[in-house]
Each structure stands twice: as C-alpha cells, then as structure tokens.
Amino acid sequence: MAGGGGGGEGEPEFQIAPMIDVLLVLLIFFMSITSAQVLKVDKGITLPVATHGIKKDNARSEGVINVRWEAAKKKAVYTYNEKPYTDLTKLSADLAVAKKAADQTGSKGKNPEYRVVIRGDREGNARSVSLAMNAAAEAGISDISFSTTNKE
C-alpha cells in the first residue's frame, strides 16, 4: 500500500510546490507595502545634507509633503500623495482630512499623533519650506519632521 507519510524505509521527499506558493505570497505582500511608501517620494528632489541626522520612527502614521524647487520658474512645487498643489489652503484641508482619518483608525507606535514629513529641495529657499509647515499647522498637525540625507 503506497502512502504519503514517512515510512521507515527510503529517503523522505522534499515538496517544493508549497514553499514556492508561500514565497510568492510573501513577495506580493512586501511589494505592495514598499510600493506605497515609494510613491510618496519625489525623485526630482535633492535633499539637504545633515550628517548628524537621526533616523525616524517608521511605526507611525504620516504624510509626506514634497517641496520641489523649479529653478527656471524660481518657485516651489508642492505635492502630497502624488497630487500637486498651487493653493496651500487646499493642501491644508487635505492634511486635516488625513489627520482626522489617522486619528479615527488609531495610529500604531508609542506616539499615535499624525506626523508630516517635509522633503524640501536643497536648492529651494526657506520660505517654501516654511509655507509647507504653515499648511501642516493650519491642519492641526504639530509633529513635523524634515527628510535629509547623511552624505553627498
């Protein structure tokens, strides 16, 4: 009688199909998580250098505001969730909605407060970053971080 169980005779067979299934599920899971974070980052921004910067806590609910400086037009372009903003009052309103949604679902981590990370272009001026900070403050967000790099 042929059975699938381990008998005392012969070498046990290694089943590869279940392992491939599990690996594919894990691959899809990690790809979906990382792509959501990557979409928030504007590749056209050159971040300022802060050699003594501290790595942020990633276990919190946050929004990312990209402040890209267009040198030809001498003005900043603000994006949040891949949506460009010319009117910062609309940005502030969208941030308030995101903060309210994060407060209702309950953020994870030690500090459940909604955070905004500002990715300001190195070539831009301080006023453009200050306007992004004001938009976050008008939305009721007091926890603001800045994204930098630690080397050239």
N, C-alpha and C. Protein backbone atom coordinates (compact mmCIF):
# COMPACT_ATOMS: atom_id res chain seq x y z
N MET A 1 0.84 -1.16 0.00
CA MET A 1 0.00 0.00 0.00
C MET A 1 0.90 1.24 0.00
N ALA A 2 0.69 2.15 -0.93
CA ALA A 2 1.52 3.35 -1.05
C ALA A 2 0.91 4.46 -0.24
N GLY A 3 1.67 5.04 0.62
CA GLY A 3 1.17 6.14 1.46
C GLY A 3 2.09 7.35 1.34
N GLY A 4 1.55 8.51 1.71
CA GLY A 4 2.33 9.74 1.62
C GLY A 4 3.12 10.02 2.87
N GLY A 5 2.86 9.28 3.93
CA GLY A 5 3.54 9.53 5.19
C GLY A 5 4.96 9.00 5.16
N GLY A 6 5.69 9.39 6.17
CA GLY A 6 7.08 8.96 6.25
C GLY A 6 7.16 7.56 6.79
N GLY A 7 7.72 6.70 6.05
CA GLY A 7 7.91 5.34 6.49
C GLY A 7 9.32 5.17 7.00
N GLY A 8 9.62 4.04 7.44
CA GLY A 8 10.94 3.78 7.94
C GLY A 8 11.93 3.53 6.82
N GLU A 9 11.46 3.32 5.62
CA GLU A 9 12.33 2.95 4.53
C GLU A 9 12.47 4.08 3.53
N GLY A 10 13.63 4.30 3.00
CA GLY A 10 13.84 5.27 1.94
C GLY A 10 14.03 6.69 2.46
N GLU A 11 14.36 7.59 1.56
CA GLU A 11 14.57 9.00 1.88
C GLU A 11 13.24 9.76 1.78
N PRO A 12 12.99 10.69 2.69
CA PRO A 12 11.76 11.49 2.56
C PRO A 12 11.88 12.45 1.37
N GLU A 13 10.76 12.71 0.72
CA GLU A 13 10.75 13.60 -0.44
C GLU A 13 10.52 15.03 0.01
N PHE A 14 11.18 15.92 -0.64
CA PHE A 14 11.05 17.35 -0.34
C PHE A 14 10.03 17.95 -1.30
N GLN A 15 8.98 18.55 -0.76
CA GLN A 15 7.93 19.15 -1.59
C GLN A 15 8.25 20.62 -1.84
N ILE A 16 8.52 21.00 -3.06
CA ILE A 16 8.92 22.36 -3.40
C ILE A 16 7.71 23.26 -3.71
N ALA A 17 6.62 22.69 -4.19
CA ALA A 17 5.46 23.50 -4.60
C ALA A 17 4.87 24.32 -3.45
N PRO A 18 4.67 23.78 -2.25
CA PRO A 18 4.13 24.61 -1.17
C PRO A 18 5.07 25.74 -0.77
N MET A 19 6.38 25.47 -0.84
CA MET A 19 7.33 26.52 -0.48
C MET A 19 7.30 27.65 -1.51
N ILE A 20 7.15 27.33 -2.77
CA ILE A 20 7.06 28.37 -3.80
C ILE A 20 5.80 29.19 -3.60
N ASP A 21 4.70 28.55 -3.26
CA ASP A 21 3.46 29.28 -3.01
C ASP A 21 3.62 30.29 -1.88
N VAL A 22 4.23 29.86 -0.80
CA VAL A 22 4.44 30.76 0.35
C VAL A 22 5.36 31.91 -0.02
N LEU A 23 6.43 31.62 -0.75
CA LEU A 23 7.36 32.67 -1.16
C LEU A 23 6.70 33.69 -2.08
N LEU A 24 5.86 33.24 -2.98
CA LEU A 24 5.16 34.17 -3.87
C LEU A 24 4.19 35.06 -3.10
N VAL A 25 3.51 34.51 -2.13
CA VAL A 25 2.60 35.32 -1.31
C VAL A 25 3.39 36.36 -0.53
N LEU A 26 4.51 35.97 0.05
CA LEU A 26 5.35 36.93 0.78
C LEU A 26 5.91 38.00 -0.15
N LEU A 27 6.32 37.62 -1.34
CA LEU A 27 6.84 38.58 -2.30
C LEU A 27 5.78 39.61 -2.68
N ILE A 28 4.58 39.18 -2.95
CA ILE A 28 3.50 40.10 -3.29
C ILE A 28 3.18 41.01 -2.11
N PHE A 29 3.18 40.47 -0.91
CA PHE A 29 2.91 41.26 0.29
C PHE A 29 3.94 42.37 0.45
N PHE A 30 5.22 42.04 0.38
CA PHE A 30 6.26 43.04 0.58
C PHE A 30 6.31 44.05 -0.56
N MET A 31 6.01 43.62 -1.77
CA MET A 31 5.98 44.56 -2.89
C MET A 31 4.85 45.57 -2.72
N SER A 32 3.71 45.13 -2.24
CA SER A 32 2.59 46.06 -2.07
C SER A 32 2.85 47.05 -0.95
N ILE A 33 3.52 46.64 0.10
CA ILE A 33 3.83 47.55 1.21
C ILE A 33 4.87 48.57 0.80
N THR A 34 5.94 48.14 0.18
CA THR A 34 7.01 49.07 -0.16
C THR A 34 6.63 50.01 -1.28
N SER A 35 5.79 49.60 -2.20
CA SER A 35 5.41 50.50 -3.29
C SER A 35 4.59 51.67 -2.79
N ALA A 36 3.81 51.50 -1.74
CA ALA A 36 3.03 52.61 -1.20
C ALA A 36 3.94 53.68 -0.62
N GLN A 37 5.02 53.30 0.02
CA GLN A 37 5.96 54.26 0.59
C GLN A 37 6.79 54.92 -0.51
N VAL A 38 7.18 54.18 -1.53
CA VAL A 38 8.00 54.72 -2.60
C VAL A 38 7.22 55.75 -3.41
N LEU A 39 5.92 55.57 -3.58
CA LEU A 39 5.12 56.50 -4.36
C LEU A 39 5.09 57.90 -3.75
N LYS A 40 5.32 58.02 -2.46
CA LYS A 40 5.28 59.31 -1.79
C LYS A 40 6.53 60.14 -2.03
N VAL A 41 7.57 59.54 -2.57
CA VAL A 41 8.86 60.19 -2.70
C VAL A 41 9.01 60.75 -4.11
N ASP A 42 9.38 62.03 -4.20
CA ASP A 42 9.63 62.69 -5.47
C ASP A 42 11.12 62.56 -5.79
N LYS A 43 11.44 61.87 -6.87
CA LYS A 43 12.84 61.61 -7.24
C LYS A 43 13.54 62.88 -7.73
N GLY A 44 12.80 63.92 -8.07
CA GLY A 44 13.40 65.15 -8.57
C GLY A 44 13.93 66.06 -7.48
N ILE A 45 13.78 65.67 -6.22
CA ILE A 45 14.22 66.49 -5.11
C ILE A 45 15.62 66.06 -4.67
N THR A 46 16.51 67.04 -4.53
CA THR A 46 17.84 66.79 -3.97
C THR A 46 17.78 67.21 -2.51
N LEU A 47 17.86 66.24 -1.62
CA LEU A 47 17.72 66.52 -0.20
C LEU A 47 18.96 67.21 0.36
N PRO A 48 18.78 68.05 1.38
CA PRO A 48 19.94 68.66 2.04
C PRO A 48 20.70 67.62 2.86
N VAL A 49 21.95 67.93 3.17
CA VAL A 49 22.80 67.00 3.92
C VAL A 49 22.77 67.37 5.40
N ALA A 50 22.54 66.38 6.23
CA ALA A 50 22.60 66.52 7.69
C ALA A 50 23.37 65.32 8.22
N THR A 51 24.64 65.51 8.47
CA THR A 51 25.49 64.38 8.85
C THR A 51 25.13 63.80 10.22
N HIS A 52 24.49 64.59 11.08
CA HIS A 52 24.13 64.11 12.41
C HIS A 52 22.62 63.90 12.54
N GLY A 53 21.97 63.65 11.43
CA GLY A 53 20.53 63.40 11.47
C GLY A 53 20.20 62.10 12.18
N ILE A 54 18.98 62.01 12.68
CA ILE A 54 18.52 60.83 13.42
C ILE A 54 17.48 60.11 12.58
N LYS A 55 17.58 58.80 12.51
CA LYS A 55 16.61 58.01 11.77
C LYS A 55 15.26 58.08 12.45
N LYS A 56 14.20 58.24 11.67
CA LYS A 56 12.86 58.42 12.23
C LYS A 56 12.21 57.09 12.58
N ASP A 57 11.20 57.18 13.42
CA ASP A 57 10.40 56.03 13.81
C ASP A 57 9.41 55.75 12.69
N ASN A 58 9.52 54.57 12.06
CA ASN A 58 8.66 54.24 10.92
C ASN A 58 7.32 53.63 11.31
N ALA A 59 7.08 53.44 12.59
CA ALA A 59 5.87 52.77 13.04
C ALA A 59 4.76 53.77 13.35
N ARG A 60 4.70 54.86 12.60
CA ARG A 60 3.68 55.88 12.85
C ARG A 60 2.98 56.25 11.57
N SER A 61 1.80 56.76 11.72
CA SER A 61 1.04 57.24 10.58
C SER A 61 1.58 58.60 10.18
N GLU A 62 1.88 58.77 8.89
CA GLU A 62 2.47 60.02 8.46
C GLU A 62 2.09 60.36 7.03
N GLY A 63 2.22 61.63 6.72
CA GLY A 63 2.05 62.13 5.36
C GLY A 63 3.34 62.77 4.91
N VAL A 64 3.62 62.72 3.62
CA VAL A 64 4.85 63.27 3.08
C VAL A 64 4.52 64.41 2.13
N ILE A 65 5.08 65.59 2.42
CA ILE A 65 4.93 66.75 1.54
C ILE A 65 6.26 66.94 0.82
N ASN A 66 6.23 66.88 -0.50
CA ASN A 66 7.41 67.12 -1.31
C ASN A 66 7.43 68.57 -1.75
N VAL A 67 8.53 69.27 -1.49
CA VAL A 67 8.69 70.67 -1.88
C VAL A 67 9.84 70.70 -2.89
N ARG A 68 9.49 70.62 -4.18
CA ARG A 68 10.49 70.61 -5.24
C ARG A 68 10.69 72.03 -5.77
N TRP A 69 11.93 72.45 -5.89
CA TRP A 69 12.25 73.80 -6.36
C TRP A 69 12.48 73.76 -7.87
N GLU A 70 11.74 74.58 -8.59
CA GLU A 70 11.93 74.72 -10.03
C GLU A 70 12.73 75.99 -10.26
N ALA A 71 14.01 75.82 -10.57
CA ALA A 71 14.92 76.96 -10.70
C ALA A 71 14.54 77.85 -11.88
N ALA A 72 14.04 77.28 -12.97
CA ALA A 72 13.69 78.08 -14.14
C ALA A 72 12.55 79.05 -13.83
N LYS A 73 11.59 78.60 -13.05
CA LYS A 73 10.44 79.45 -12.69
C LYS A 73 10.65 80.18 -11.37
N LYS A 74 11.70 79.80 -10.64
CA LYS A 74 12.01 80.36 -9.33
C LYS A 74 10.82 80.27 -8.38
N LYS A 75 10.24 79.06 -8.33
CA LYS A 75 9.14 78.82 -7.41
C LYS A 75 9.13 77.35 -6.99
N ALA A 76 8.44 77.12 -5.89
CA ALA A 76 8.36 75.76 -5.35
C ALA A 76 7.09 75.07 -5.86
N VAL A 77 7.19 73.76 -6.04
CA VAL A 77 6.04 72.94 -6.40
C VAL A 77 5.78 72.00 -5.24
N TYR A 78 4.58 72.03 -4.70
CA TYR A 78 4.20 71.22 -3.54
C TYR A 78 3.39 70.02 -4.02
N THR A 79 3.76 68.83 -3.54
CA THR A 79 2.97 67.63 -3.84
C THR A 79 2.73 66.87 -2.54
N TYR A 80 1.53 66.30 -2.47
CA TYR A 80 1.13 65.45 -1.35
C TYR A 80 0.29 64.33 -1.92
N ASN A 81 0.67 63.10 -1.67
CA ASN A 81 0.01 61.92 -2.23
C ASN A 81 -0.08 62.00 -3.75
N GLU A 82 1.03 62.38 -4.37
CA GLU A 82 1.18 62.49 -5.81
C GLU A 82 0.28 63.55 -6.45
N LYS A 83 -0.31 64.42 -5.66
CA LYS A 83 -1.18 65.47 -6.17
C LYS A 83 -0.47 66.81 -6.00
N PRO A 84 -0.28 67.56 -7.10
CA PRO A 84 0.38 68.86 -6.97
C PRO A 84 -0.59 69.92 -6.44
N TYR A 85 -0.06 70.84 -5.67
CA TYR A 85 -0.86 71.91 -5.07
C TYR A 85 -0.26 73.27 -5.42
N THR A 86 -1.09 74.15 -5.94
CA THR A 86 -0.68 75.54 -6.12
C THR A 86 -1.27 76.39 -5.01
N ASP A 87 -2.43 75.97 -4.51
CA ASP A 87 -3.08 76.66 -3.41
C ASP A 87 -2.85 75.86 -2.13
N LEU A 88 -2.10 76.44 -1.20
CA LEU A 88 -1.74 75.70 0.01
C LEU A 88 -2.90 75.57 0.99
N THR A 89 -3.97 76.33 0.82
CA THR A 89 -5.15 76.12 1.68
C THR A 89 -5.80 74.78 1.34
N LYS A 90 -5.75 74.37 0.08
CA LYS A 90 -6.28 73.05 -0.29
C LYS A 90 -5.39 71.95 0.28
N LEU A 91 -4.07 72.18 0.28
CA LEU A 91 -3.15 71.22 0.89
C LEU A 91 -3.45 71.08 2.38
N SER A 92 -3.69 72.20 3.03
CA SER A 92 -4.00 72.17 4.46
C SER A 92 -5.30 71.41 4.72
N ALA A 93 -6.29 71.60 3.87
CA ALA A 93 -7.57 70.89 4.02
C ALA A 93 -7.38 69.38 3.84
N ASP A 94 -6.57 68.98 2.85
CA ASP A 94 -6.32 67.55 2.64
C ASP A 94 -5.52 66.94 3.79
N LEU A 95 -4.60 67.71 4.34
CA LEU A 95 -3.84 67.23 5.51
C LEU A 95 -4.76 67.05 6.72
N ALA A 96 -5.72 67.97 6.88
CA ALA A 96 -6.66 67.86 8.00
C ALA A 96 -7.52 66.61 7.86
N VAL A 97 -7.93 66.29 6.64
CA VAL A 97 -8.72 65.07 6.40
C VAL A 97 -7.88 63.83 6.72
N ALA A 98 -6.61 63.83 6.30
CA ALA A 98 -5.74 62.69 6.57
C ALA A 98 -5.48 62.54 8.06
N LYS A 99 -5.30 63.66 8.75
CA LYS A 99 -5.08 63.61 10.21
C LYS A 99 -6.30 63.05 10.92
N LYS A 100 -7.47 63.50 10.49
CA LYS A 100 -8.71 63.02 11.12
C LYS A 100 -8.89 61.52 10.87
N ALA A 101 -8.60 61.07 9.66
CA ALA A 101 -8.71 59.64 9.36
C ALA A 101 -7.71 58.82 10.18
N ALA A 102 -6.50 59.34 10.35
CA ALA A 102 -5.49 58.63 11.15
C ALA A 102 -5.89 58.60 12.62
N ASP A 103 -6.49 59.69 13.10
CA ASP A 103 -6.93 59.72 14.50
C ASP A 103 -8.07 58.75 14.75
N GLN A 104 -8.95 58.58 13.76
CA GLN A 104 -10.08 57.66 13.93
C GLN A 104 -9.66 56.21 13.89
N THR A 105 -8.71 55.89 13.01
CA THR A 105 -8.27 54.49 12.92
C THR A 105 -7.29 54.13 14.00
N GLY A 106 -6.65 55.13 14.58
CA GLY A 106 -5.68 54.85 15.65
C GLY A 106 -4.34 54.47 15.07
N SER A 107 -3.38 55.34 15.20
CA SER A 107 -2.04 55.07 14.70
C SER A 107 -1.34 54.08 15.60
N LYS A 108 -0.33 53.43 15.04
CA LYS A 108 0.45 52.48 15.82
C LYS A 108 1.71 53.14 16.34
N GLY A 109 2.34 52.52 17.29
CA GLY A 109 3.58 53.05 17.85
C GLY A 109 3.37 53.69 19.21
N LYS A 110 4.47 54.18 19.79
CA LYS A 110 4.40 54.79 21.11
C LYS A 110 3.68 56.13 21.08
N ASN A 111 3.87 56.90 20.00
CA ASN A 111 3.25 58.21 19.87
C ASN A 111 2.24 58.14 18.73
N PRO A 112 0.95 58.10 19.02
CA PRO A 112 -0.03 57.90 17.96
C PRO A 112 -0.37 59.15 17.16
N GLU A 113 0.29 60.27 17.42
CA GLU A 113 -0.02 61.51 16.73
C GLU A 113 0.41 61.44 15.26
N TYR A 114 -0.43 62.00 14.38
CA TYR A 114 -0.15 62.02 12.94
C TYR A 114 1.03 62.95 12.68
N ARG A 115 1.96 62.50 11.86
CA ARG A 115 3.17 63.27 11.58
C ARG A 115 3.23 63.63 10.10
N VAL A 116 3.82 64.79 9.82
CA VAL A 116 4.08 65.20 8.45
C VAL A 116 5.59 65.27 8.26
N VAL A 117 6.06 64.66 7.19
CA VAL A 117 7.47 64.71 6.82
C VAL A 117 7.59 65.62 5.61
N ILE A 118 8.41 66.66 5.73
CA ILE A 118 8.61 67.60 4.64
C ILE A 118 9.93 67.26 3.96
N ARG A 119 9.87 67.00 2.66
CA ARG A 119 11.05 66.72 1.85
C ARG A 119 11.33 67.96 1.01
N GLY A 120 12.12 68.88 1.57
CA GLY A 120 12.43 70.12 0.88
C GLY A 120 13.66 70.00 0.02
N ASP A 121 13.60 70.60 -1.16
CA ASP A 121 14.73 70.58 -2.09
C ASP A 121 15.87 71.42 -1.56
N ARG A 122 17.08 70.94 -1.73
CA ARG A 122 18.27 71.64 -1.27
C ARG A 122 18.42 72.99 -1.95
N GLU A 123 18.00 73.11 -3.20
CA GLU A 123 18.15 74.35 -3.96
C GLU A 123 17.07 75.38 -3.63
N GLY A 124 16.01 74.96 -2.97
CA GLY A 124 14.90 75.86 -2.66
C GLY A 124 15.22 76.82 -1.53
N ASN A 125 14.30 77.73 -1.29
CA ASN A 125 14.50 78.69 -0.21
C ASN A 125 13.74 78.27 1.04
N ALA A 126 14.08 78.90 2.14
CA ALA A 126 13.47 78.55 3.43
C ALA A 126 11.99 78.92 3.46
N ARG A 127 11.60 79.93 2.71
CA ARG A 127 10.19 80.36 2.69
C ARG A 127 9.28 79.26 2.15
N SER A 128 9.73 78.54 1.13
CA SER A 128 8.90 77.47 0.56
C SER A 128 8.66 76.36 1.58
N VAL A 129 9.68 76.02 2.36
CA VAL A 129 9.52 75.00 3.40
C VAL A 129 8.65 75.54 4.53
N SER A 130 8.81 76.82 4.84
CA SER A 130 8.01 77.45 5.88
C SER A 130 6.52 77.46 5.52
N LEU A 131 6.22 77.66 4.24
CA LEU A 131 4.82 77.63 3.80
C LEU A 131 4.22 76.22 3.95
N ALA A 132 5.03 75.20 3.69
CA ALA A 132 4.56 73.82 3.90
C ALA A 132 4.32 73.55 5.38
N MET A 133 5.18 74.09 6.24
CA MET A 133 4.99 73.94 7.69
C MET A 133 3.71 74.65 8.13
N ASN A 134 3.45 75.82 7.58
CA ASN A 134 2.23 76.56 7.93
C ASN A 134 0.98 75.79 7.50
N ALA A 135 1.03 75.15 6.34
CA ALA A 135 -0.11 74.36 5.88
C ALA A 135 -0.39 73.21 6.84
N ALA A 136 0.68 72.57 7.32
CA ALA A 136 0.51 71.47 8.29
C ALA A 136 -0.03 72.01 9.61
N ALA A 137 0.44 73.16 10.05
CA ALA A 137 -0.03 73.75 11.31
C ALA A 137 -1.50 74.13 11.21
N GLU A 138 -1.92 74.66 10.07
CA GLU A 138 -3.33 75.01 9.88
C GLU A 138 -4.21 73.78 9.89
N ALA A 139 -3.66 72.63 9.54
CA ALA A 139 -4.42 71.37 9.58
C ALA A 139 -4.46 70.77 10.97
N GLY A 140 -3.78 71.41 11.93
CA GLY A 140 -3.78 70.90 13.29
C GLY A 140 -2.68 69.90 13.57
N ILE A 141 -1.68 69.86 12.72
CA ILE A 141 -0.58 68.91 12.87
C ILE A 141 0.60 69.65 13.49
N SER A 142 1.03 69.18 14.65
CA SER A 142 2.13 69.83 15.33
C SER A 142 3.44 69.04 15.24
N ASP A 143 3.36 67.79 14.81
CA ASP A 143 4.55 66.95 14.70
C ASP A 143 5.03 66.97 13.26
N ILE A 144 6.12 67.71 13.02
CA ILE A 144 6.66 67.89 11.67
C ILE A 144 8.13 67.46 11.68
N SER A 145 8.51 66.66 10.70
CA SER A 145 9.89 66.22 10.53
C SER A 145 10.39 66.66 9.16
N PHE A 146 11.70 66.66 9.02
CA PHE A 146 12.31 67.01 7.74
C PHE A 146 13.15 65.86 7.26
N SER A 147 13.07 65.57 5.98
CA SER A 147 13.84 64.49 5.40
C SER A 147 15.16 65.04 4.87
N THR A 148 16.25 64.37 5.23
CA THR A 148 17.59 64.76 4.79
C THR A 148 18.35 63.50 4.40
N THR A 149 19.55 63.72 3.91
CA THR A 149 20.45 62.60 3.65
C THR A 149 21.70 62.80 4.50
N ASN A 150 22.42 61.73 4.77
CA ASN A 150 23.58 61.86 5.65
C ASN A 150 24.90 62.01 4.90
N LYS A 151 24.87 62.00 3.57
CA LYS A 151 26.10 62.18 2.80
C LYS A 151 25.75 62.73 1.42
N GLU A 152 26.76 63.24 0.75
CA GLU A 152 26.57 63.82 -0.60
C GLU A 152 26.18 62.77 -1.59
